[in-house]
Structures are given as structure tokens and as C-alpha cells.
Amino acid sequence: MPRQDVLKELNLWPVWRQRAAAAPELAEGLDTAAASANVTENRRDAILRMDWSELKASVSGCTACRLHETRTQAVFGVGDEQADWLLVGEGPGAEEDKQGEPFVGQAGRLLDNMLAAIRLKRGRNAYIANAVKCRPPANRNPEADEVAACEPYLTRQIALIQPKLIIALGKVAAHRLLGTDSAIASLRGKLHQCQGITLIVTYHPAYLLRSLQDKARAWEDLCFAVRTMEGLQSATREP
């Protein structure tokens, strides 16, 4: 994208024109901002055209945010690449960082049990991914810029899989996928849309390990998801 167009997108073009002559250092700063925006846009466009092998290689070598500095390895995702079900968490933990697979610790075992309860299994008509691909230090929530750096990766995964239903596991995933900051309580029990795909919000398994009283609500969400999937599959079969 030409510098002028980038500056217009950033609402900086009028400022640049008015002050460039009087303040060359400002113009230089705006040029830097425009160049950075251009690089980010080009990177995103490139990612959104990748196939599976290219995407996996890009995630493995990604240095787009500071999380790469402390990771053992990036955690791409796992499962059926043509799955009807896509489950999205927030980010890898210590075990995930070590093994390179999402949800393999205690929370992962709970997720596997949740899947089994609705007759699903990891890798069989289900795909599991995260909003960010590298472990945040000390398992903190990922920062907004870290989520933004990983946004095109998850967006491309969704586009390649084309699931019938997305399950957002927890606040970070829900906020990333829906572009909202609403509380989980207000998002549960409703059908949402993400990239034209039906989405349901429930609690993150790690949260359920700390808040046993909400396991019953999570079960309600899973039953709601099963009913929703049955409706989606039925609609697909209709002539």
C-alpha cells in the first residue's frame, strides 16, 4: 500500500501534509508508523493465503511478538483439519510449551473428558487451537498486542478448517473471536457468529478446575452445543 494510503487509513495524512515542512522529524515519525502498518498488513495478507504446511512453518518460526523470546516451542494446534468442531482456548501452558500440543496438562485432561461426554475425541471430528501460539510467561493472560500478532494465524486456521461450530473456551478466546469485552456470563447460552461460523462460549477448563461450582453450567453449554450441532448438520443435509 502506498504511504499516502496508509497514512489516510491511520487518519494521519492531513497532519503529515500540514506539518511535514515545518517539522521534518514529525514527518519522519509518521513515515515510520506508516511503514510499520504496511509491514503488518503485508504480513497478515501473506498469512491469510497460506496452506497448512506454510502456516505451520510460519507459526513455528514466528517472532512477531515478545512471547517468542521465552517459549520452548510454538503450539500450532491439533486435530482433524476438516473437523465440524473447533475448540479455541487462550494460550499454551507449561506442559503445552514443552510438548508442542494444546491442552495436554490437567486442563487438557478435563477437556478430553468434556469431549468424551459428548461423544467426541481429540483428533476425531474435532480440532483444538489457541488464541495465541506461544506460552505467556507464568501462564498470565496474553496481552492485546500478543493476541493481535497471532490473529491472522487463528483466522487462517478457521478458514482452512471451515468447522460447523466453534467453541470459545474462556474469556480470552471469546473476546478475540467476537471482538468484545463482555463477561462470560453474558455471552453463554447464546449463538454468536465468527467468520460466518456459529460460535458458542463456555468456561475454560483451567477455570473449571478452580471453580467446581461452574462445572454444571459448563455441562449446560456442552448440551447446548450438541443441540446446535444437530441443527447445523440437519440443515446441511436438507436439499
C-alpha atoms as a PDB file:
ATOM      1  CA  MET A   1       0.000   0.000   0.000  1.00  0.00           C
ATOM      2  CA  PRO A   2       1.400   3.465  -0.887  1.00  0.00           C
ATOM      3  CA  ARG A   3       2.487   5.656   2.035  1.00  0.00           C
ATOM      4  CA  GLN A   4      -0.283   8.157   1.340  1.00  0.00           C
ATOM      5  CA  ASP A   5      -2.970   5.476   1.537  1.00  0.00           C
ATOM      6  CA  VAL A   6      -1.526   4.035   4.744  1.00  0.00           C
ATOM      7  CA  LEU A   7      -1.481   7.476   6.342  1.00  0.00           C
ATOM      8  CA  LYS A   8      -5.094   8.012   5.326  1.00  0.00           C
ATOM      9  CA  GLU A   9      -6.029   4.700   6.939  1.00  0.00           C
ATOM     10  CA  LEU A  10      -4.333   5.857  10.133  1.00  0.00           C
ATOM     11  CA  ASN A  11      -6.042   9.265   9.913  1.00  0.00           C
ATOM     12  CA  LEU A  12      -2.581  10.835   9.778  1.00  0.00           C
ATOM     13  CA  TRP A  13      -2.478  12.122   6.208  1.00  0.00           C
ATOM     14  CA  PRO A  14      -3.818  15.650   6.902  1.00  0.00           C
ATOM     15  CA  VAL A  15      -1.418  16.019   9.818  1.00  0.00           C
ATOM     16  CA  TRP A  16       1.504  14.825   7.720  1.00  0.00           C
ATOM     17  CA  ARG A  17       0.760  17.281   4.930  1.00  0.00           C
ATOM     18  CA  GLN A  18       0.346  20.249   7.275  1.00  0.00           C
ATOM     19  CA  ARG A  19       3.403  19.668   9.436  1.00  0.00           C
ATOM     20  CA  ALA A  20       5.936  17.837   7.316  1.00  0.00           C
ATOM     21  CA  ALA A  21       7.582  21.007   6.037  1.00  0.00           C
ATOM     22  CA  ALA A  22       7.621  22.730   9.423  1.00  0.00           C
ATOM     23  CA  ALA A  23       8.669  19.651  11.411  1.00  0.00           C
ATOM     24  CA  PRO A  24      10.706  17.152   9.399  1.00  0.00           C
ATOM     25  CA  GLU A  25      11.146  14.940  12.466  1.00  0.00           C
ATOM     26  CA  LEU A  26       7.362  14.551  12.718  1.00  0.00           C
ATOM     27  CA  ALA A  27       7.151  13.569   9.078  1.00  0.00           C
ATOM     28  CA  GLU A  28       9.877  11.013   9.678  1.00  0.00           C
ATOM     29  CA  GLY A  29       7.933   9.597  12.630  1.00  0.00           C
ATOM     30  CA  LEU A  30       4.772   9.351  10.577  1.00  0.00           C
ATOM     31  CA  ASP A  31       6.703   7.642   7.807  1.00  0.00           C
ATOM     32  CA  THR A  32       7.927   5.097  10.362  1.00  0.00           C
ATOM     33  CA  ALA A  33       4.378   4.493  11.618  1.00  0.00           C
ATOM     34  CA  ALA A  34       3.120   4.108   8.065  1.00  0.00           C
ATOM     35  CA  ALA A  35       5.921   1.666   7.207  1.00  0.00           C
ATOM     36  CA  SER A  36       5.156  -0.391  10.320  1.00  0.00           C
ATOM     37  CA  ALA A  37       1.460  -0.512   9.440  1.00  0.00           C
ATOM     38  CA  ASN A  38       2.359  -1.557   5.923  1.00  0.00           C
ATOM     39  CA  VAL A  39       4.573  -4.408   7.140  1.00  0.00           C
ATOM     40  CA  THR A  40       1.824  -5.611   9.489  1.00  0.00           C
ATOM     41  CA  GLU A  41      -0.768  -5.525   6.720  1.00  0.00           C
ATOM     42  CA  ASN A  42       1.519  -7.334   4.288  1.00  0.00           C
ATOM     43  CA  ARG A  43       2.297  -9.998   6.893  1.00  0.00           C
ATOM     44  CA  ARG A  44      -1.403 -10.571   7.575  1.00  0.00           C
ATOM     45  CA  ASP A  45      -2.246 -10.773   3.880  1.00  0.00           C
ATOM     46  CA  ALA A  46       0.528 -13.326   3.352  1.00  0.00           C
ATOM     47  CA  ILE A  47      -0.659 -15.482   6.260  1.00  0.00           C
ATOM     48  CA  LEU A  48      -4.249 -15.443   5.034  1.00  0.00           C
ATOM     49  CA  ARG A  49      -3.090 -17.021   1.752  1.00  0.00           C
ATOM     50  CA  MET A  50      -1.062 -19.846   3.321  1.00  0.00           C
ATOM     51  CA  ASP A  51      -1.841 -23.555   3.087  1.00  0.00           C
ATOM     52  CA  TRP A  52      -1.468 -25.860   6.091  1.00  0.00           C
ATOM     53  CA  SER A  53       2.233 -26.599   5.660  1.00  0.00           C
ATOM     54  CA  GLU A  54       3.120 -22.943   5.108  1.00  0.00           C
ATOM     55  CA  LEU A  55       1.032 -21.896   8.091  1.00  0.00           C
ATOM     56  CA  LYS A  56       2.655 -24.429  10.408  1.00  0.00           C
ATOM     57  CA  ALA A  57       6.134 -23.356   9.314  1.00  0.00           C
ATOM     58  CA  SER A  58       5.269 -19.687   9.820  1.00  0.00           C
ATOM     59  CA  VAL A  59       3.941 -20.279  13.345  1.00  0.00           C
ATOM     60  CA  SER A  60       6.988 -22.381  14.236  1.00  0.00           C
ATOM     61  CA  GLY A  61       9.382 -19.583  13.325  1.00  0.00           C
ATOM     62  CA  CYS A  62       7.227 -16.608  14.312  1.00  0.00           C
ATOM     63  CA  THR A  63       8.896 -13.654  16.065  1.00  0.00           C
ATOM     64  CA  ALA A  64       6.034 -11.150  15.671  1.00  0.00           C
ATOM     65  CA  CYS A  65       5.633 -10.537  19.408  1.00  0.00           C
ATOM     66  CA  ARG A  66       7.727 -10.854  22.563  1.00  0.00           C
ATOM     67  CA  LEU A  67       6.295 -14.252  23.511  1.00  0.00           C
ATOM     68  CA  HIS A  68       8.753 -15.947  21.162  1.00  0.00           C
ATOM     69  CA  GLU A  69      11.590 -14.849  23.460  1.00  0.00           C
ATOM     70  CA  THR A  70      10.534 -17.186  26.286  1.00  0.00           C
ATOM     71  CA  ARG A  71       8.837 -20.089  24.504  1.00  0.00           C
ATOM     72  CA  THR A  72      10.245 -23.578  24.201  1.00  0.00           C
ATOM     73  CA  GLN A  73       8.238 -24.069  21.040  1.00  0.00           C
ATOM     74  CA  ALA A  74       5.158 -22.640  19.380  1.00  0.00           C
ATOM     75  CA  VAL A  75       1.944 -24.629  19.803  1.00  0.00           C
ATOM     76  CA  PHE A  76       0.135 -24.677  16.488  1.00  0.00           C
ATOM     77  CA  GLY A  77      -2.962 -26.787  17.141  1.00  0.00           C
ATOM     78  CA  VAL A  78      -4.012 -30.405  16.818  1.00  0.00           C
ATOM     79  CA  GLY A  79      -6.814 -32.462  15.391  1.00  0.00           C
ATOM     80  CA  ASP A  80      -8.902 -33.179  12.341  1.00  0.00           C
ATOM     81  CA  GLU A  81      -8.201 -30.467   9.766  1.00  0.00           C
ATOM     82  CA  GLN A  82     -11.695 -30.945   8.313  1.00  0.00           C
ATOM     83  CA  ALA A  83     -13.465 -31.109  11.673  1.00  0.00           C
ATOM     84  CA  ASP A  84     -17.023 -29.971  12.318  1.00  0.00           C
ATOM     85  CA  TRP A  85     -15.992 -28.888  15.832  1.00  0.00           C
ATOM     86  CA  LEU A  86     -13.301 -26.277  16.555  1.00  0.00           C
ATOM     87  CA  LEU A  87     -12.372 -25.568  20.171  1.00  0.00           C
ATOM     88  CA  VAL A  88     -10.317 -22.459  20.895  1.00  0.00           C
ATOM     89  CA  GLY A  89      -8.550 -21.697  24.165  1.00  0.00           C
ATOM     90  CA  GLU A  90      -6.381 -18.770  25.221  1.00  0.00           C
ATOM     91  CA  GLY A  91      -2.744 -19.892  25.082  1.00  0.00           C
ATOM     92  CA  PRO A  92      -0.336 -22.720  25.886  1.00  0.00           C
ATOM     93  CA  GLY A  93       0.664 -23.549  29.450  1.00  0.00           C
ATOM     94  CA  ALA A  94       3.874 -25.118  30.708  1.00  0.00           C
ATOM     95  CA  GLU A  95       3.093 -28.660  29.531  1.00  0.00           C
ATOM     96  CA  GLU A  96       1.843 -27.432  26.175  1.00  0.00           C
ATOM     97  CA  ASP A  97       5.004 -25.371  25.716  1.00  0.00           C
ATOM     98  CA  LYS A  98       7.064 -28.472  26.499  1.00  0.00           C
ATOM     99  CA  GLN A  99       5.154 -30.938  24.306  1.00  0.00           C
ATOM    100  CA  GLY A 100       4.048 -28.640  21.484  1.00  0.00           C
ATOM    101  CA  GLU A 101       0.390 -29.655  21.695  1.00  0.00           C
ATOM    102  CA  PRO A 102      -2.539 -27.657  23.133  1.00  0.00           C
ATOM    103  CA  PHE A 103      -4.408 -28.799  26.245  1.00  0.00           C
ATOM    104  CA  VAL A 104      -2.154 -31.623  27.439  1.00  0.00           C
ATOM    105  CA  GLY A 105      -1.910 -30.711  31.132  1.00  0.00           C
ATOM    106  CA  GLN A 106      -4.543 -31.100  33.830  1.00  0.00           C
ATOM    107  CA  ALA A 107      -6.891 -28.739  31.998  1.00  0.00           C
ATOM    108  CA  GLY A 108      -6.335 -30.779  28.860  1.00  0.00           C
ATOM    109  CA  ARG A 109      -7.389 -33.961  30.589  1.00  0.00           C
ATOM    110  CA  LEU A 110     -10.569 -32.231  31.714  1.00  0.00           C
ATOM    111  CA  LEU A 111     -11.184 -31.046  28.159  1.00  0.00           C
ATOM    112  CA  ASP A 112     -10.740 -34.608  26.883  1.00  0.00           C
ATOM    113  CA  ASN A 113     -13.338 -35.756  29.440  1.00  0.00           C
ATOM    114  CA  MET A 114     -15.686 -32.987  28.326  1.00  0.00           C
ATOM    115  CA  LEU A 115     -15.287 -34.104  24.716  1.00  0.00           C
ATOM    116  CA  ALA A 116     -15.869 -37.738  25.650  1.00  0.00           C
ATOM    117  CA  ALA A 117     -19.088 -36.755  27.438  1.00  0.00           C
ATOM    118  CA  ILE A 118     -20.500 -35.528  24.121  1.00  0.00           C
ATOM    119  CA  ARG A 119     -19.016 -38.449  22.144  1.00  0.00           C
ATOM    120  CA  LEU A 120     -16.102 -36.558  20.684  1.00  0.00           C
ATOM    121  CA  LYS A 121     -12.403 -37.314  20.827  1.00  0.00           C
ATOM    122  CA  ARG A 122      -9.271 -35.279  20.280  1.00  0.00           C
ATOM    123  CA  GLY A 123      -8.399 -35.584  16.606  1.00  0.00           C
ATOM    124  CA  ARG A 124     -11.697 -37.180  15.569  1.00  0.00           C
ATOM    125  CA  ASN A 125     -14.015 -34.574  14.033  1.00  0.00           C
ATOM    126  CA  ALA A 126     -12.567 -32.024  16.459  1.00  0.00           C
ATOM    127  CA  TYR A 127      -9.723 -29.543  16.188  1.00  0.00           C
ATOM    128  CA  ILE A 128      -8.138 -27.741  19.162  1.00  0.00           C
ATOM    129  CA  ALA A 129      -6.260 -24.453  18.919  1.00  0.00           C
ATOM    130  CA  ASN A 130      -5.452 -21.341  20.947  1.00  0.00           C
ATOM    131  CA  ALA A 131      -5.797 -17.592  20.503  1.00  0.00           C
ATOM    132  CA  VAL A 132      -2.012 -17.271  20.906  1.00  0.00           C
ATOM    133  CA  LYS A 133       0.517 -19.878  19.853  1.00  0.00           C
ATOM    134  CA  CYS A 134       3.270 -19.237  22.426  1.00  0.00           C
ATOM    135  CA  ARG A 135       3.125 -19.536  26.195  1.00  0.00           C
ATOM    136  CA  PRO A 136       2.768 -16.249  28.089  1.00  0.00           C
ATOM    137  CA  PRO A 137       5.294 -16.130  30.969  1.00  0.00           C
ATOM    138  CA  ALA A 138       3.973 -17.538  34.253  1.00  0.00           C
ATOM    139  CA  ASN A 139       0.762 -18.512  32.429  1.00  0.00           C
ATOM    140  CA  ARG A 140      -0.537 -14.933  32.560  1.00  0.00           C
ATOM    141  CA  ASN A 141      -3.282 -13.870  30.178  1.00  0.00           C
ATOM    142  CA  PRO A 142      -1.894 -12.820  26.789  1.00  0.00           C
ATOM    143  CA  GLU A 143      -1.679  -9.075  26.193  1.00  0.00           C
ATOM    144  CA  ALA A 144      -3.742  -7.388  23.487  1.00  0.00           C
ATOM    145  CA  ASP A 145      -0.756  -6.912  21.165  1.00  0.00           C
ATOM    146  CA  GLU A 146       0.199 -10.580  21.545  1.00  0.00           C
ATOM    147  CA  VAL A 147      -3.317 -11.685  20.639  1.00  0.00           C
ATOM    148  CA  ALA A 148      -3.242  -9.275  17.685  1.00  0.00           C
ATOM    149  CA  ALA A 149       0.069 -10.722  16.448  1.00  0.00           C
ATOM    150  CA  CYS A 150      -1.456 -14.217  16.397  1.00  0.00           C
ATOM    151  CA  GLU A 151      -4.818 -13.090  14.992  1.00  0.00           C
ATOM    152  CA  PRO A 152      -4.079 -13.946  11.344  1.00  0.00           C
ATOM    153  CA  TYR A 153      -2.873 -17.439  12.295  1.00  0.00           C
ATOM    154  CA  LEU A 154      -6.128 -18.366  14.026  1.00  0.00           C
ATOM    155  CA  THR A 155      -8.162 -16.605  11.340  1.00  0.00           C
ATOM    156  CA  ARG A 156      -6.448 -18.712   8.690  1.00  0.00           C
ATOM    157  CA  GLN A 157      -6.905 -21.930  10.682  1.00  0.00           C
ATOM    158  CA  ILE A 158     -10.635 -21.241  10.872  1.00  0.00           C
ATOM    159  CA  ALA A 159     -10.780 -20.527   7.138  1.00  0.00           C
ATOM    160  CA  LEU A 160      -8.931 -23.764   6.290  1.00  0.00           C
ATOM    161  CA  ILE A 161     -10.936 -25.974   8.649  1.00  0.00           C
ATOM    162  CA  GLN A 162     -14.353 -24.406   7.949  1.00  0.00           C
ATOM    163  CA  PRO A 163     -15.917 -26.001  11.035  1.00  0.00           C
ATOM    164  CA  LYS A 164     -19.660 -26.046  11.535  1.00  0.00           C
ATOM    165  CA  LEU A 165     -19.323 -24.894  15.157  1.00  0.00           C
ATOM    166  CA  ILE A 166     -16.681 -23.041  17.182  1.00  0.00           C
ATOM    167  CA  ILE A 167     -16.482 -23.374  20.961  1.00  0.00           C
ATOM    168  CA  ALA A 168     -14.702 -20.448  22.634  1.00  0.00           C
ATOM    169  CA  LEU A 169     -13.135 -21.722  25.854  1.00  0.00           C
ATOM    170  CA  GLY A 170     -12.891 -18.816  28.285  1.00  0.00           C
ATOM    171  CA  LYS A 171     -12.730 -15.056  28.250  1.00  0.00           C
ATOM    172  CA  VAL A 172      -9.588 -14.517  26.169  1.00  0.00           C
ATOM    173  CA  ALA A 173     -10.781 -16.747  23.333  1.00  0.00           C
ATOM    174  CA  ALA A 174     -14.299 -15.297  23.412  1.00  0.00           C
ATOM    175  CA  HIS A 175     -13.026 -11.725  23.339  1.00  0.00           C
ATOM    176  CA  ARG A 176     -10.625 -12.481  20.478  1.00  0.00           C
ATOM    177  CA  LEU A 177     -13.175 -14.329  18.355  1.00  0.00           C
ATOM    178  CA  LEU A 178     -16.097 -11.991  18.966  1.00  0.00           C
ATOM    179  CA  GLY A 179     -14.297  -8.669  19.261  1.00  0.00           C
ATOM    180  CA  THR A 180     -15.980  -7.913  22.570  1.00  0.00           C
ATOM    181  CA  ASP A 181     -15.034  -7.352  26.195  1.00  0.00           C
ATOM    182  CA  SER A 182     -18.326  -8.651  27.617  1.00  0.00           C
ATOM    183  CA  ALA A 183     -18.314 -11.003  30.592  1.00  0.00           C
ATOM    184  CA  ILE A 184     -18.559 -14.741  30.007  1.00  0.00           C
ATOM    185  CA  ALA A 185     -21.867 -14.814  31.883  1.00  0.00           C
ATOM    186  CA  SER A 186     -23.453 -12.519  29.307  1.00  0.00           C
ATOM    187  CA  LEU A 187     -22.061 -14.497  26.357  1.00  0.00           C
ATOM    188  CA  ARG A 188     -23.026 -18.011  27.452  1.00  0.00           C
ATOM    189  CA  GLY A 189     -26.230 -19.644  26.259  1.00  0.00           C
ATOM    190  CA  LYS A 190     -26.356 -17.654  23.020  1.00  0.00           C
ATOM    191  CA  LEU A 191     -25.413 -18.270  19.420  1.00  0.00           C
ATOM    192  CA  HIS A 192     -22.748 -15.934  18.058  1.00  0.00           C
ATOM    193  CA  GLN A 193     -21.029 -15.632  14.690  1.00  0.00           C
ATOM    194  CA  CYS A 194     -17.318 -15.641  13.838  1.00  0.00           C
ATOM    195  CA  GLN A 195     -16.185 -15.540  10.213  1.00  0.00           C
ATOM    196  CA  GLY A 196     -19.684 -16.658   9.235  1.00  0.00           C
ATOM    197  CA  ILE A 197     -19.494 -19.686  11.551  1.00  0.00           C
ATOM    198  CA  THR A 198     -21.751 -20.348  14.557  1.00  0.00           C
ATOM    199  CA  LEU A 199     -19.948 -19.889  17.879  1.00  0.00           C
ATOM    200  CA  ILE A 200     -20.795 -20.807  21.468  1.00  0.00           C
ATOM    201  CA  VAL A 201     -18.982 -19.540  24.565  1.00  0.00           C
ATOM    202  CA  THR A 202     -18.215 -21.610  27.645  1.00  0.00           C
ATOM    203  CA  TYR A 203     -15.716 -21.664  30.501  1.00  0.00           C
ATOM    204  CA  HIS A 204     -12.062 -22.555  30.098  1.00  0.00           C
ATOM    205  CA  PRO A 205     -11.208 -25.979  31.587  1.00  0.00           C
ATOM    206  CA  ALA A 206      -8.482 -24.405  33.762  1.00  0.00           C
ATOM    207  CA  TYR A 207     -11.110 -22.118  35.288  1.00  0.00           C
ATOM    208  CA  LEU A 208     -13.381 -25.099  35.964  1.00  0.00           C
ATOM    209  CA  LEU A 209     -10.575 -26.790  37.894  1.00  0.00           C
ATOM    210  CA  ARG A 210     -10.590 -23.800  40.246  1.00  0.00           C
ATOM    211  CA  SER A 211     -14.343 -23.190  40.247  1.00  0.00           C
ATOM    212  CA  LEU A 212     -16.073 -26.538  40.612  1.00  0.00           C
ATOM    213  CA  GLN A 213     -19.453 -24.870  41.090  1.00  0.00           C
ATOM    214  CA  ASP A 214     -19.447 -23.836  37.429  1.00  0.00           C
ATOM    215  CA  LYS A 215     -18.974 -27.351  36.055  1.00  0.00           C
ATOM    216  CA  ALA A 216     -22.756 -27.774  35.894  1.00  0.00           C
ATOM    217  CA  ARG A 217     -23.007 -24.600  33.811  1.00  0.00           C
ATOM    218  CA  ALA A 218     -20.271 -25.885  31.510  1.00  0.00           C
ATOM    219  CA  TRP A 219     -22.257 -29.089  31.044  1.00  0.00           C
ATOM    220  CA  GLU A 220     -25.293 -26.979  30.089  1.00  0.00           C
ATOM    221  CA  ASP A 221     -23.116 -25.249  27.496  1.00  0.00           C
ATOM    222  CA  LEU A 222     -21.970 -28.577  26.064  1.00  0.00           C
ATOM    223  CA  CYS A 223     -25.548 -29.827  25.801  1.00  0.00           C
ATOM    224  CA  PHE A 224     -26.469 -26.573  24.078  1.00  0.00           C
ATOM    225  CA  ALA A 225     -23.554 -27.108  21.686  1.00  0.00           C
ATOM    226  CA  VAL A 226     -24.692 -30.647  20.865  1.00  0.00           C
ATOM    227  CA  ARG A 227     -28.231 -29.466  20.103  1.00  0.00           C
ATOM    228  CA  THR A 228     -26.827 -26.660  17.983  1.00  0.00           C
ATOM    229  CA  MET A 229     -24.588 -29.026  16.037  1.00  0.00           C
ATOM    230  CA  GLU A 230     -27.503 -31.385  15.397  1.00  0.00           C
ATOM    231  CA  GLY A 231     -29.426 -28.471  13.927  1.00  0.00           C
ATOM    232  CA  LEU A 232     -26.480 -27.377  11.794  1.00  0.00           C
ATOM    233  CA  GLN A 233     -25.895 -30.891  10.474  1.00  0.00           C
ATOM    234  CA  SER A 234     -29.587 -31.318   9.743  1.00  0.00           C
ATOM    235  CA  ALA A 235     -29.643 -28.056   7.799  1.00  0.00           C
ATOM    236  CA  THR A 236     -26.620 -29.215   5.787  1.00  0.00           C
ATOM    237  CA  ARG A 237     -28.351 -32.466   4.814  1.00  0.00           C
ATOM    238  CA  GLU A 238     -31.525 -30.757   3.619  1.00  0.00           C
ATOM    239  CA  PRO A 239     -31.778 -30.447  -0.208  1.00  0.00           C
END
